[in-house]
Protein backbone atom coordinates (compact mmCIF):
# COMPACT_ATOMS: atom_id res chain seq x y z
CA MET A 1 -14.98 12.81 -13.52
CA PRO A 2 -11.45 13.42 -12.09
CA PHE A 3 -9.50 10.31 -11.21
CA THR A 4 -8.47 9.66 -7.61
CA PRO A 5 -6.10 6.89 -6.49
CA HIS A 6 -7.76 6.72 -3.05
CA GLY A 7 -9.11 3.27 -2.23
CA SER A 8 -7.47 1.72 -5.32
CA ASN A 9 -5.57 -1.49 -5.87
CA ILE A 10 -2.01 -0.31 -6.55
CA LEU A 11 1.07 -2.10 -7.90
CA VAL A 12 4.59 -0.67 -7.66
CA THR A 13 7.33 -2.19 -9.81
CA GLY A 14 10.71 -1.82 -8.15
CA GLY A 15 8.79 -1.56 -4.90
CA THR A 16 11.81 -2.29 -2.67
CA GLY A 17 13.87 0.65 -3.97
CA THR A 18 14.26 4.08 -2.40
CA PHE A 19 11.33 5.58 -4.28
CA GLY A 20 9.22 2.42 -4.05
CA LYS A 21 9.38 2.27 -0.27
CA ALA A 22 8.67 5.99 0.08
CA PHE A 23 5.67 5.75 -2.24
CA ILE A 24 4.33 2.67 -0.46
CA ARG A 25 4.65 4.37 2.93
CA HIS A 26 2.79 7.40 1.57
CA ALA A 27 0.09 5.26 -0.03
CA LEU A 28 -0.55 3.28 3.15
CA GLU A 29 -0.83 6.48 5.19
CA HIS A 30 -2.73 8.72 2.77
CA LEU A 31 -4.33 6.80 -0.12
CA ASP A 32 -6.07 4.03 1.84
CA PRO A 33 -5.39 1.36 -0.81
CA GLU A 34 -7.51 -1.76 -0.81
CA ARG A 35 -4.43 -3.75 -1.84
CA LEU A 36 -0.85 -2.66 -2.53
CA VAL A 37 1.41 -5.00 -4.51
CA VAL A 38 5.18 -4.76 -4.06
CA PHE A 39 6.58 -6.15 -7.31
CA SER A 40 10.34 -6.75 -7.40
CA ARG A 41 12.84 -9.48 -8.20
CA ASP A 42 14.91 -9.66 -4.99
CA GLU A 43 13.45 -11.89 -2.28
CA LEU A 44 16.00 -10.68 0.30
CA LYS A 45 15.04 -7.02 -0.17
CA GLN A 46 11.37 -7.98 0.15
CA HIS A 47 12.14 -9.88 3.37
CA GLU A 48 14.14 -6.95 4.76
CA MET A 49 11.36 -4.55 3.80
CA ARG A 50 8.71 -6.67 5.50
CA THR A 51 10.73 -7.08 8.69
CA SER A 52 11.61 -3.37 8.84
CA GLY A 53 7.98 -2.39 9.40
CA PHE A 54 6.29 -2.82 6.03
CA ASP A 55 3.98 -5.57 7.29
CA ASP A 56 0.59 -3.95 6.72
CA PRO A 57 -2.11 -6.53 5.87
CA ARG A 58 -2.90 -4.59 2.68
CA LEU A 59 0.58 -5.33 1.31
CA ARG A 60 1.26 -8.20 -1.11
CA TYR A 61 4.88 -9.13 -1.80
CA PHE A 62 5.13 -10.41 -5.36
CA ILE A 63 8.46 -11.70 -6.68
CA GLY A 64 8.85 -11.00 -10.37
CA ASP A 65 10.85 -9.22 -13.05
CA VAL A 66 9.50 -6.62 -15.49
CA ARG A 67 11.25 -8.63 -18.20
CA ASP A 68 8.67 -11.37 -17.60
CA GLU A 69 5.40 -10.26 -19.19
CA THR A 70 3.51 -13.35 -18.02
CA ARG A 71 4.44 -12.67 -14.41
CA LEU A 72 3.41 -9.02 -14.77
CA ARG A 73 0.02 -10.04 -16.11
CA ARG A 74 -0.52 -12.28 -13.10
CA ALA A 75 0.54 -9.55 -10.68
CA MET A 76 -1.73 -6.93 -12.31
CA SER A 77 -4.94 -8.92 -11.96
CA GLY A 78 -7.47 -6.56 -10.39
CA VAL A 79 -5.00 -3.65 -10.22
CA ASP A 80 -6.23 -0.07 -10.79
CA VAL A 81 -2.96 1.89 -10.62
CA VAL A 82 0.61 0.97 -11.62
CA VAL A 83 3.65 2.98 -10.61
CA HIS A 84 6.58 1.83 -12.73
CA ALA A 85 9.78 2.46 -10.77
CA ALA A 86 11.81 -0.62 -11.73
CA ALA A 87 14.96 0.13 -13.76
CA LEU A 88 18.66 -0.41 -14.11
CA LYS A 89 19.88 3.11 -13.35
CA GLN A 90 23.61 3.05 -12.58
CA VAL A 91 25.27 4.71 -15.57
CA PRO A 92 28.55 2.69 -15.54
CA ALA A 93 26.67 -0.61 -15.13
CA CYS A 94 24.38 0.22 -18.05
CA GLU A 95 27.36 1.18 -20.23
CA TYR A 96 29.13 -2.10 -19.44
CA ASN A 97 25.98 -4.23 -19.73
CA PRO A 98 24.04 -2.56 -22.57
CA PHE A 99 21.83 -5.51 -23.49
CA GLU A 100 20.77 -5.90 -19.85
CA ALA A 101 19.89 -2.21 -19.63
CA ILE A 102 17.78 -2.43 -22.78
CA MET A 103 16.02 -5.60 -21.62
CA THR A 104 14.98 -4.04 -18.31
CA ASN A 105 14.47 -0.37 -19.16
CA VAL A 106 13.01 -0.68 -22.67
CA MET A 107 11.56 -4.17 -23.04
CA GLY A 108 10.44 -4.06 -19.41
CA ALA A 109 8.56 -0.85 -20.19
CA ARG A 110 6.90 -2.57 -23.15
CA ASN A 111 5.83 -5.45 -20.92
CA VAL A 112 4.34 -3.07 -18.36
CA VAL A 113 2.37 -1.37 -21.14
CA GLU A 114 1.02 -4.60 -22.60
CA ALA A 115 0.11 -6.12 -19.24
CA SER A 116 -1.53 -2.89 -18.03
CA ILE A 117 -3.80 -2.58 -21.06
CA ASP A 118 -4.82 -6.24 -20.92
CA ALA A 119 -5.49 -6.05 -17.15
CA GLY A 120 -7.63 -2.92 -17.49
CA VAL A 121 -5.39 -0.78 -15.28
CA LYS A 122 -6.73 2.78 -15.10
CA ARG A 123 -3.53 4.80 -14.48
CA VAL A 124 0.11 3.94 -15.23
CA ILE A 125 2.76 6.43 -14.11
CA ALA A 126 6.35 5.72 -15.18
CA LEU A 127 9.40 7.26 -13.53
CA SER A 128 11.91 8.91 -15.85
CA THR A 129 15.01 11.05 -15.39
CA ASP A 130 16.63 14.27 -16.57
CA LYS A 131 19.21 12.03 -18.26
CA ALA A 132 16.53 11.14 -20.84
CA VAL A 133 16.78 14.65 -22.33
CA ALA A 134 19.38 14.71 -25.14
CA PRO A 135 20.99 11.58 -23.65
CA VAL A 136 24.74 11.04 -23.75
CA ASN A 137 24.76 7.62 -22.06
CA LEU A 138 22.86 4.38 -22.53
CA TYR A 139 20.87 4.76 -19.33
CA GLY A 140 19.49 8.09 -20.55
CA ALA A 141 18.82 6.62 -23.99
CA THR A 142 16.84 3.72 -22.53
CA LYS A 143 14.79 6.10 -20.38
CA LEU A 144 14.11 8.28 -23.44
CA CYS A 145 12.79 5.17 -25.20
CA SER A 146 10.72 4.35 -22.13
CA GLU A 147 9.20 7.84 -22.10
CA LYS A 148 8.25 7.50 -25.76
CA LEU A 149 6.71 4.08 -25.15
CA PHE A 150 4.56 5.24 -22.26
CA THR A 151 3.44 8.35 -24.11
CA GLN A 152 2.52 6.72 -27.39
CA SER A 153 0.93 3.70 -25.72
CA ASN A 154 -2.08 5.92 -25.07
CA ALA A 155 -2.87 5.36 -28.75
CA TYR A 156 -2.78 1.58 -28.21
CA ALA A 157 -5.03 2.02 -25.17
CA SER A 158 -7.52 4.25 -27.01
CA GLY A 159 -11.04 3.05 -26.27
CA THR A 160 -9.99 1.55 -22.95
CA GLU A 161 -9.73 3.04 -19.46
CA THR A 162 -5.94 2.79 -19.38
CA VAL A 163 -4.00 6.07 -19.33
CA PHE A 164 -0.19 6.35 -19.37
CA ALA A 165 2.03 9.26 -18.30
CA ASN A 166 5.61 9.95 -17.21
CA VAL A 167 7.24 11.92 -14.41
CA ARG A 168 10.75 13.25 -15.01
CA TYR A 169 13.02 14.55 -12.28
CA GLY A 170 16.64 14.82 -11.14
CA ASN A 171 18.82 13.34 -8.42
CA VAL A 172 17.11 12.08 -5.26
CA LEU A 173 18.83 13.11 -2.04
CA GLY A 174 20.34 10.11 -0.30
CA SER A 175 18.98 7.44 -2.67
CA ARG A 176 20.89 4.19 -3.11
CA GLY A 177 23.90 4.74 -5.34
CA SER A 178 23.72 8.53 -5.11
CA VAL A 179 26.71 10.76 -4.40
CA ILE A 180 25.76 11.70 -0.81
CA PRO A 181 26.43 8.23 0.65
CA LEU A 182 29.67 8.16 -1.38
CA PHE A 183 30.82 11.50 0.05
CA LYS A 184 29.96 10.37 3.58
CA LYS A 185 32.11 7.29 3.11
CA GLN A 186 34.98 9.19 1.47
CA ARG A 187 35.17 11.81 4.20
CA GLU A 188 36.53 9.14 6.54
CA THR A 189 39.69 9.18 4.39
CA GLY A 190 40.03 12.97 4.38
CA VAL A 191 39.73 13.23 0.59
CA VAL A 192 36.50 13.59 -1.42
CA THR A 193 36.50 13.13 -5.20
CA VAL A 194 34.52 15.49 -7.46
CA THR A 195 34.46 15.23 -11.23
CA HIS A 196 34.40 18.95 -12.16
CA PRO A 197 34.29 22.20 -10.13
CA GLU A 198 31.39 23.62 -12.18
CA MET A 199 29.18 20.51 -12.40
CA THR A 200 25.55 21.09 -11.35
CA ARG A 201 22.58 18.83 -10.73
CA PHE A 202 18.88 19.11 -9.92
CA TRP A 203 18.00 17.83 -6.43
CA LEU A 204 14.80 16.75 -4.75
CA ARG A 205 13.67 14.82 -1.70
CA VAL A 206 12.10 11.43 -2.35
CA GLU A 207 8.88 12.71 -0.77
CA GLN A 208 8.69 15.35 -3.51
CA GLY A 209 8.98 12.60 -6.11
CA VAL A 210 6.14 10.73 -4.45
CA ASP A 211 3.93 13.83 -4.40
CA LEU A 212 4.64 14.38 -8.11
CA VAL A 213 3.58 10.83 -8.98
CA VAL A 214 0.31 11.18 -7.07
CA LYS A 215 -0.36 14.52 -8.74
CA ALA A 216 0.35 12.98 -12.16
CA MET A 217 -2.20 10.21 -11.46
CA GLU A 218 -4.85 12.80 -10.72
CA MET A 219 -4.04 15.26 -13.51
CA THR A 220 -3.02 13.18 -16.53
CA ARG A 221 -5.09 13.08 -19.69
CA GLY A 222 -2.57 10.70 -21.25
CA GLY A 223 0.97 11.01 -22.52
CA GLU A 224 2.27 13.99 -20.55
CA ILE A 225 5.66 14.30 -18.88
CA PHE A 226 5.33 15.95 -15.47
CA VAL A 227 8.45 17.89 -14.40
CA PRO A 228 8.74 19.40 -10.90
CA LYS A 229 10.23 22.80 -10.12
CA ILE A 230 13.17 21.87 -7.92
CA PRO A 231 16.47 23.50 -6.93
CA SER A 232 19.97 22.99 -8.30
CA MET A 233 23.29 22.72 -6.52
CA ARG A 234 26.91 22.54 -7.58
CA ILE A 235 28.44 19.15 -6.77
CA VAL A 236 31.52 20.82 -5.27
CA ASP A 237 29.27 22.76 -2.87
CA LEU A 238 27.63 19.49 -1.92
CA ALA A 239 31.06 17.99 -1.20
CA HIS A 240 31.99 20.95 1.01
CA THR A 241 28.67 20.56 2.86
CA ILE A 242 29.01 16.84 3.52
CA ALA A 243 32.78 16.88 4.16
CA PRO A 244 33.72 20.44 5.17
CA ASP A 245 37.11 19.48 6.59
CA CYS A 246 38.22 17.29 3.69
CA ASN A 247 40.36 18.02 0.65
CA ILE A 248 38.60 18.01 -2.73
CA GLU A 249 40.24 16.06 -5.56
CA PHE A 250 38.95 16.79 -9.08
CA ILE A 251 39.05 13.63 -11.18
CA GLY A 252 37.49 14.79 -14.47
CA VAL A 253 34.08 14.25 -16.06
CA ARG A 254 33.42 10.54 -16.52
CA PRO A 255 32.29 8.90 -19.77
CA GLY A 256 28.56 9.29 -20.32
CA GLU A 257 28.29 12.19 -17.88
CA LYS A 258 27.09 15.75 -18.55
CA LEU A 259 28.42 18.89 -16.92
CA HIS A 260 24.84 20.13 -16.42
CA GLU A 261 21.51 18.30 -16.67
CA THR A 262 18.45 19.36 -18.68
CA MET A 263 14.87 18.64 -17.65
CA ILE A 264 13.13 20.46 -20.50
CA SER A 265 14.81 21.07 -23.85
CA ALA A 266 14.24 24.03 -26.17
CA ASP A 267 12.42 21.76 -28.65
CA GLU A 268 10.05 20.61 -25.90
CA SER A 269 9.18 24.21 -25.02
CA ARG A 270 6.54 24.31 -27.76
CA GLN A 271 4.51 21.71 -25.88
CA THR A 272 5.25 22.85 -22.33
CA LEU A 273 2.79 24.32 -19.83
CA GLU A 274 3.95 26.01 -16.63
CA LEU A 275 2.04 25.73 -13.36
CA ASP A 276 3.00 27.12 -9.97
CA ASP A 277 4.99 24.08 -8.85
CA LEU A 278 5.64 22.07 -12.02
CA PHE A 279 5.87 21.96 -15.80
CA ILE A 280 3.84 19.67 -18.04
CA VAL A 281 5.28 18.60 -21.39
CA GLU A 282 2.25 17.66 -23.45
CA PRO A 283 2.47 14.93 -26.11
CA GLU A 284 2.91 15.92 -29.74
CA GLY A 285 0.31 14.77 -32.23
CA ALA A 286 -1.86 13.02 -29.65
CA THR A 287 -4.69 11.12 -31.32
CA TRP A 288 -6.42 10.50 -28.00
CA HIS A 289 -8.54 13.03 -26.14
CA ARG A 290 -9.27 12.50 -22.47
CA GLY A 291 -10.75 15.65 -20.98
CA ALA A 292 -9.81 19.31 -20.72
CA SER A 293 -6.25 20.62 -20.70
CA PRO A 294 -4.84 21.42 -17.25
CA LEU A 295 -4.77 25.06 -16.30
CA GLY A 296 -1.38 26.50 -17.10
CA ARG A 297 0.47 29.04 -19.18
CA ARG A 298 2.58 28.28 -22.24
CA VAL A 299 6.29 28.84 -21.76
CA ALA A 300 8.14 30.95 -24.30
CA GLU A 301 9.39 29.10 -27.36
CA GLY A 302 13.02 28.22 -26.82
CA PHE A 303 12.61 27.97 -23.04
CA THR A 304 14.95 25.48 -21.37
CA TYR A 305 15.09 24.11 -17.84
CA VAL A 306 18.77 23.38 -17.14
CA SER A 307 20.53 22.84 -13.82
CA ASP A 308 23.11 25.62 -14.21
CA THR A 309 20.60 28.32 -15.26
CA ASN A 310 17.92 27.35 -12.76
CA ASP A 311 16.46 30.19 -10.68
CA GLN A 312 16.25 27.99 -7.57
CA TRP A 313 19.42 26.98 -5.71
CA ILE A 314 19.70 24.91 -2.57
CA THR A 315 21.96 26.33 0.13
CA GLY A 316 24.50 24.40 2.18
CA ASP A 317 22.44 24.80 5.34
CA GLN A 318 19.33 23.47 3.60
CA LEU A 319 21.19 20.50 2.21
CA ARG A 320 22.77 19.77 5.58
CA VAL A 321 19.31 19.36 7.05
CA LEU A 322 18.05 17.26 4.13
CA ALA A 323 21.11 15.00 4.23
CA GLY A 324 20.76 14.43 7.96
CA GLU A 325 23.97 16.26 8.81
CA PRO A 326 24.38 18.08 12.17
CA ALA A 327 24.19 21.85 12.14
CA ARG A 328 27.55 23.61 12.00
CA ALA A 329 28.70 25.33 15.15
CA ALA A 330 28.18 29.08 15.22
């Protein structure tokens, strides 16, 4: 019988972040959860979230860190669905604090896996990133490890109801720490800094990320990586859109940064299915079997999904709307 998250008890790690709040808003409005646990480590952000309108009686604010397995076990009591969005994700911070990045992004993932299996959670969906594909920085490397953990943990959960899967996507428009808020701040000075004139990135709205997670809950058989079909944009075009009257200063590609991002590598093509609105990278050598394969067509061997060769591109006018910028005068 297909799984549905409607009416479930749901826990969101990193629930006070950009994605977490968007998912929680969607869940309250559309999934009718019996109970929705906001799991995060910052009491101030939880207070600000509660006082900004997230005061539904179905919400439970639970202070805890994914590094603390005992606390996770307590929080997951009676939980049906876990959305794992907690992570250290700022590339420079992870490079400078590598042990901290590993403790949160890798060991935290392990703790989520262990606690979920022991609590009898039915679906666990972990958020990943395009930076996990052929990583060149520690953040990407930790998220690659996390992907592998959540995929292979289906073997540990074999014989139980617990199913793990990943979603992998690119930059979220306007999220905390993203380049759009930076450009908006820099335009006050008249100069906007861009690393390279040809740099490209995948872009999506946070609501698209939420929809992908819900779809992954419903579709997963265990171990897949769900990748949305989303547009690309050159960073320099983004800068011109946000700050059209400013000068652009090129400062060079930073350590740990790629010129273009990859969401599906050529080696992954052998396990990749294409659907109308997404790709599904199926797990290699899966020893677990949980229902029929989703309907989809195999991509050609050697297929890649890279930001500079994408067939979807977001225009300046589209981005202006998404970024909350006023329309340009005719």
